[in-house]
Amino acid sequence: MGDNQRFIRPEDVETLELSWGTIKWLSTPETTGAESFSSGVVVLKPGEGHERHTHPDSEEVLYFLNGEGVQTVEDDVREVAAGDMVYIPAGVEHSTENTSWEPLRFIAMYGPPGPESEIREAPDCEVVPPGE
């Protein structure tokens, strides 16, 4: 897929499979040519989550599509569900945990892009090619 794609289907991009769930980065500099942000769909398995971490150079926005979970931003811990949005400033520790019996699905956006490449390089990340 070349730069400047305007319409992206999930099957057009690779899937990142991690121990806690999956990610499809639908807009990155490589897929759409976007320079200011990246975005994708994250699915956390029931009862799973990821450890507290930071993105030193990127802000993050999460928009929850379905399921229920707990979002931590610094020392603020809140329940989240469909329709909720969370803003995470650059360099602030955060984590997300699925507390429901169903997958927790949300859109993640980084500005500027970059953290999506770091996740792809994580030791427990398996990259599944587009269409598989």
C-alpha atoms as a PDB file:
ATOM      1  CA  MET A   1       0.000   0.000   0.000  1.00  0.00           C
ATOM      2  CA  GLY A   2       1.427   3.357  -0.957  1.00  0.00           C
ATOM      3  CA  ASP A   3       1.324   6.766   0.674  1.00  0.00           C
ATOM      4  CA  ASN A   4      -1.738   8.961   0.333  1.00  0.00           C
ATOM      5  CA  GLN A   5      -4.392   6.247   0.508  1.00  0.00           C
ATOM      6  CA  ARG A   6      -7.707   7.882   1.337  1.00  0.00           C
ATOM      7  CA  PHE A   7      -9.923   4.876   2.046  1.00  0.00           C
ATOM      8  CA  ILE A   8      -8.564   2.118   4.264  1.00  0.00           C
ATOM      9  CA  ARG A   9     -10.281  -1.191   5.033  1.00  0.00           C
ATOM     10  CA  PRO A  10      -9.069  -3.316   7.946  1.00  0.00           C
ATOM     11  CA  GLU A  11      -8.081  -6.114   5.577  1.00  0.00           C
ATOM     12  CA  ASP A  12      -5.765  -3.656   3.765  1.00  0.00           C
ATOM     13  CA  VAL A  13      -3.360  -3.365   6.716  1.00  0.00           C
ATOM     14  CA  GLU A  14      -1.374  -5.768   8.842  1.00  0.00           C
ATOM     15  CA  THR A  15      -2.636  -6.950  12.224  1.00  0.00           C
ATOM     16  CA  LEU A  16      -0.445  -6.707  15.304  1.00  0.00           C
ATOM     17  CA  GLU A  17      -1.190  -9.620  17.627  1.00  0.00           C
ATOM     18  CA  LEU A  18      -0.046  -9.213  21.223  1.00  0.00           C
ATOM     19  CA  SER A  19      -0.654 -11.299  24.344  1.00  0.00           C
ATOM     20  CA  TRP A  20      -3.390  -8.877  25.458  1.00  0.00           C
ATOM     21  CA  GLY A  21      -5.147  -8.264  22.123  1.00  0.00           C
ATOM     22  CA  THR A  22      -4.815  -6.954  18.580  1.00  0.00           C
ATOM     23  CA  ILE A  23      -4.222  -3.648  16.804  1.00  0.00           C
ATOM     24  CA  LYS A  24      -4.838  -2.503  13.242  1.00  0.00           C
ATOM     25  CA  TRP A  25      -3.140   0.815  12.448  1.00  0.00           C
ATOM     26  CA  LEU A  26      -5.439   2.211   9.763  1.00  0.00           C
ATOM     27  CA  SER A  27      -3.753   5.590   9.315  1.00  0.00           C
ATOM     28  CA  THR A  28       0.003   5.982   9.589  1.00  0.00           C
ATOM     29  CA  PRO A  29       2.549   7.938   7.560  1.00  0.00           C
ATOM     30  CA  GLU A  30       3.165   4.695   5.613  1.00  0.00           C
ATOM     31  CA  THR A  31      -0.493   3.910   4.828  1.00  0.00           C
ATOM     32  CA  THR A  32      -2.118   7.305   4.302  1.00  0.00           C
ATOM     33  CA  GLY A  33       0.740   9.770   4.261  1.00  0.00           C
ATOM     34  CA  ALA A  34      -0.661  11.460   7.391  1.00  0.00           C
ATOM     35  CA  GLU A  35       2.034  13.607   8.976  1.00  0.00           C
ATOM     36  CA  SER A  36       0.378  14.930  12.136  1.00  0.00           C
ATOM     37  CA  PHE A  37      -1.295  11.843  13.595  1.00  0.00           C
ATOM     38  CA  SER A  38      -1.758   8.080  13.392  1.00  0.00           C
ATOM     39  CA  SER A  39      -4.859   6.103  14.304  1.00  0.00           C
ATOM     40  CA  GLY A  40      -6.028   2.551  14.596  1.00  0.00           C
ATOM     41  CA  VAL A  41      -8.421   0.126  16.218  1.00  0.00           C
ATOM     42  CA  VAL A  42      -7.334  -1.689  19.378  1.00  0.00           C
ATOM     43  CA  VAL A  43      -9.119  -4.772  20.715  1.00  0.00           C
ATOM     44  CA  LEU A  44      -8.363  -5.925  24.271  1.00  0.00           C
ATOM     45  CA  LYS A  45      -9.295  -9.497  25.160  1.00  0.00           C
ATOM     46  CA  PRO A  46     -11.657 -10.017  28.129  1.00  0.00           C
ATOM     47  CA  GLY A  47      -9.761  -9.629  31.407  1.00  0.00           C
ATOM     48  CA  GLU A  48      -6.609  -8.393  29.630  1.00  0.00           C
ATOM     49  CA  GLY A  49      -4.823  -5.076  29.485  1.00  0.00           C
ATOM     50  CA  HIS A  50      -1.431  -3.559  28.993  1.00  0.00           C
ATOM     51  CA  GLU A  51       1.074  -2.291  31.521  1.00  0.00           C
ATOM     52  CA  ARG A  52       1.483   1.360  32.437  1.00  0.00           C
ATOM     53  CA  HIS A  53       3.641   3.094  29.891  1.00  0.00           C
ATOM     54  CA  THR A  54       4.317   6.488  28.340  1.00  0.00           C
ATOM     55  CA  HIS A  55       4.728   7.989  24.902  1.00  0.00           C
ATOM     56  CA  PRO A  56       7.278  10.749  25.611  1.00  0.00           C
ATOM     57  CA  ASP A  57       6.793  12.644  22.352  1.00  0.00           C
ATOM     58  CA  SER A  58       3.147  11.977  21.415  1.00  0.00           C
ATOM     59  CA  GLU A  59      -0.250  12.897  22.779  1.00  0.00           C
ATOM     60  CA  GLU A  60      -2.882  10.161  22.676  1.00  0.00           C
ATOM     61  CA  VAL A  61      -6.652  10.105  22.366  1.00  0.00           C
ATOM     62  CA  LEU A  62      -8.721   6.981  23.015  1.00  0.00           C
ATOM     63  CA  TYR A  63     -12.359   6.687  21.908  1.00  0.00           C
ATOM     64  CA  PHE A  64     -14.180   3.613  23.215  1.00  0.00           C
ATOM     65  CA  LEU A  65     -16.462   1.787  20.788  1.00  0.00           C
ATOM     66  CA  ASN A  66     -17.754  -1.153  22.860  1.00  0.00           C
ATOM     67  CA  GLY A  67     -17.109  -3.155  25.994  1.00  0.00           C
ATOM     68  CA  GLU A  68     -16.160  -1.921  29.450  1.00  0.00           C
ATOM     69  CA  GLY A  69     -12.843  -1.278  31.092  1.00  0.00           C
ATOM     70  CA  VAL A  70     -10.690   0.734  33.434  1.00  0.00           C
ATOM     71  CA  GLN A  71      -8.464   3.523  32.171  1.00  0.00           C
ATOM     72  CA  THR A  72      -5.605   4.883  34.255  1.00  0.00           C
ATOM     73  CA  VAL A  73      -4.033   8.257  33.431  1.00  0.00           C
ATOM     74  CA  GLU A  74      -1.325   9.155  35.964  1.00  0.00           C
ATOM     75  CA  ASP A  75      -3.070   8.453  39.296  1.00  0.00           C
ATOM     76  CA  ASP A  76      -6.612   8.950  37.966  1.00  0.00           C
ATOM     77  CA  VAL A  77      -8.436   5.611  37.537  1.00  0.00           C
ATOM     78  CA  ARG A  78     -11.841   5.603  35.831  1.00  0.00           C
ATOM     79  CA  GLU A  79     -14.301   3.161  34.358  1.00  0.00           C
ATOM     80  CA  VAL A  80     -14.757   3.550  30.598  1.00  0.00           C
ATOM     81  CA  ALA A  81     -17.378   2.292  28.144  1.00  0.00           C
ATOM     82  CA  ALA A  82     -18.728   2.936  24.650  1.00  0.00           C
ATOM     83  CA  GLY A  83     -18.885   6.642  23.834  1.00  0.00           C
ATOM     84  CA  ASP A  84     -16.200   7.698  26.326  1.00  0.00           C
ATOM     85  CA  MET A  85     -13.074   9.537  25.208  1.00  0.00           C
ATOM     86  CA  VAL A  86      -9.784   9.874  27.074  1.00  0.00           C
ATOM     87  CA  TYR A  87      -7.002  12.387  26.387  1.00  0.00           C
ATOM     88  CA  ILE A  88      -3.468  11.450  27.471  1.00  0.00           C
ATOM     89  CA  PRO A  89      -0.798  14.172  27.295  1.00  0.00           C
ATOM     90  CA  ALA A  90       2.665  13.289  25.993  1.00  0.00           C
ATOM     91  CA  GLY A  91       4.882  11.704  28.628  1.00  0.00           C
ATOM     92  CA  VAL A  92       2.046  10.781  31.025  1.00  0.00           C
ATOM     93  CA  GLU A  93       1.855   7.191  32.345  1.00  0.00           C
ATOM     94  CA  HIS A  94      -1.322   5.339  31.401  1.00  0.00           C
ATOM     95  CA  SER A  95      -2.850   1.887  30.995  1.00  0.00           C
ATOM     96  CA  THR A  96      -6.078   0.301  29.790  1.00  0.00           C
ATOM     97  CA  GLU A  97      -7.718  -2.862  31.136  1.00  0.00           C
ATOM     98  CA  ASN A  98     -10.728  -4.778  29.863  1.00  0.00           C
ATOM     99  CA  THR A  99     -12.975  -5.586  32.827  1.00  0.00           C
ATOM    100  CA  SER A 100     -15.833  -7.163  30.880  1.00  0.00           C
ATOM    101  CA  TRP A 101     -16.607 -10.570  29.400  1.00  0.00           C
ATOM    102  CA  GLU A 102     -16.518  -9.219  25.850  1.00  0.00           C
ATOM    103  CA  PRO A 103     -13.702  -7.609  23.851  1.00  0.00           C
ATOM    104  CA  LEU A 104     -13.012  -3.948  24.623  1.00  0.00           C
ATOM    105  CA  ARG A 105     -12.688  -2.100  21.313  1.00  0.00           C
ATOM    106  CA  PHE A 106     -11.419   1.461  20.954  1.00  0.00           C
ATOM    107  CA  ILE A 107      -9.806   3.844  18.507  1.00  0.00           C
ATOM    108  CA  ALA A 108      -6.340   5.100  19.469  1.00  0.00           C
ATOM    109  CA  MET A 109      -4.818   8.231  17.932  1.00  0.00           C
ATOM    110  CA  TYR A 110      -1.273   9.549  18.385  1.00  0.00           C
ATOM    111  CA  GLY A 111      -0.098  13.030  17.514  1.00  0.00           C
ATOM    112  CA  PRO A 112       2.507  13.100  16.162  1.00  0.00           C
ATOM    113  CA  PRO A 113       2.772   9.519  14.908  1.00  0.00           C
ATOM    114  CA  GLY A 114       5.493   7.256  16.245  1.00  0.00           C
ATOM    115  CA  PRO A 115       4.295   5.044  19.107  1.00  0.00           C
ATOM    116  CA  GLU A 116       2.601   2.655  16.664  1.00  0.00           C
ATOM    117  CA  SER A 117       6.053   1.741  15.305  1.00  0.00           C
ATOM    118  CA  GLU A 118       7.321   1.045  18.833  1.00  0.00           C
ATOM    119  CA  ILE A 119       4.420  -1.327  19.527  1.00  0.00           C
ATOM    120  CA  ARG A 120       5.154  -3.182  16.282  1.00  0.00           C
ATOM    121  CA  GLU A 121       8.703  -3.812  17.561  1.00  0.00           C
ATOM    122  CA  ALA A 122       7.595  -5.173  20.977  1.00  0.00           C
ATOM    123  CA  PRO A 123       9.012  -8.646  21.756  1.00  0.00           C
ATOM    124  CA  ASP A 124       5.555 -10.235  22.139  1.00  0.00           C
ATOM    125  CA  CYS A 125       4.186  -8.706  18.911  1.00  0.00           C
ATOM    126  CA  GLU A 126       3.395 -10.986  15.978  1.00  0.00           C
ATOM    127  CA  VAL A 127       2.801  -9.168  12.693  1.00  0.00           C
ATOM    128  CA  VAL A 128       0.124 -10.789  10.523  1.00  0.00           C
ATOM    129  CA  PRO A 129       0.241  -9.592   6.885  1.00  0.00           C
ATOM    130  CA  PRO A 130      -2.767  -7.827   5.337  1.00  0.00           C
ATOM    131  CA  GLY A 131      -5.606 -10.112   4.301  1.00  0.00           C
ATOM    132  CA  GLU A 132      -4.622 -13.013   6.586  1.00  0.00           C
END
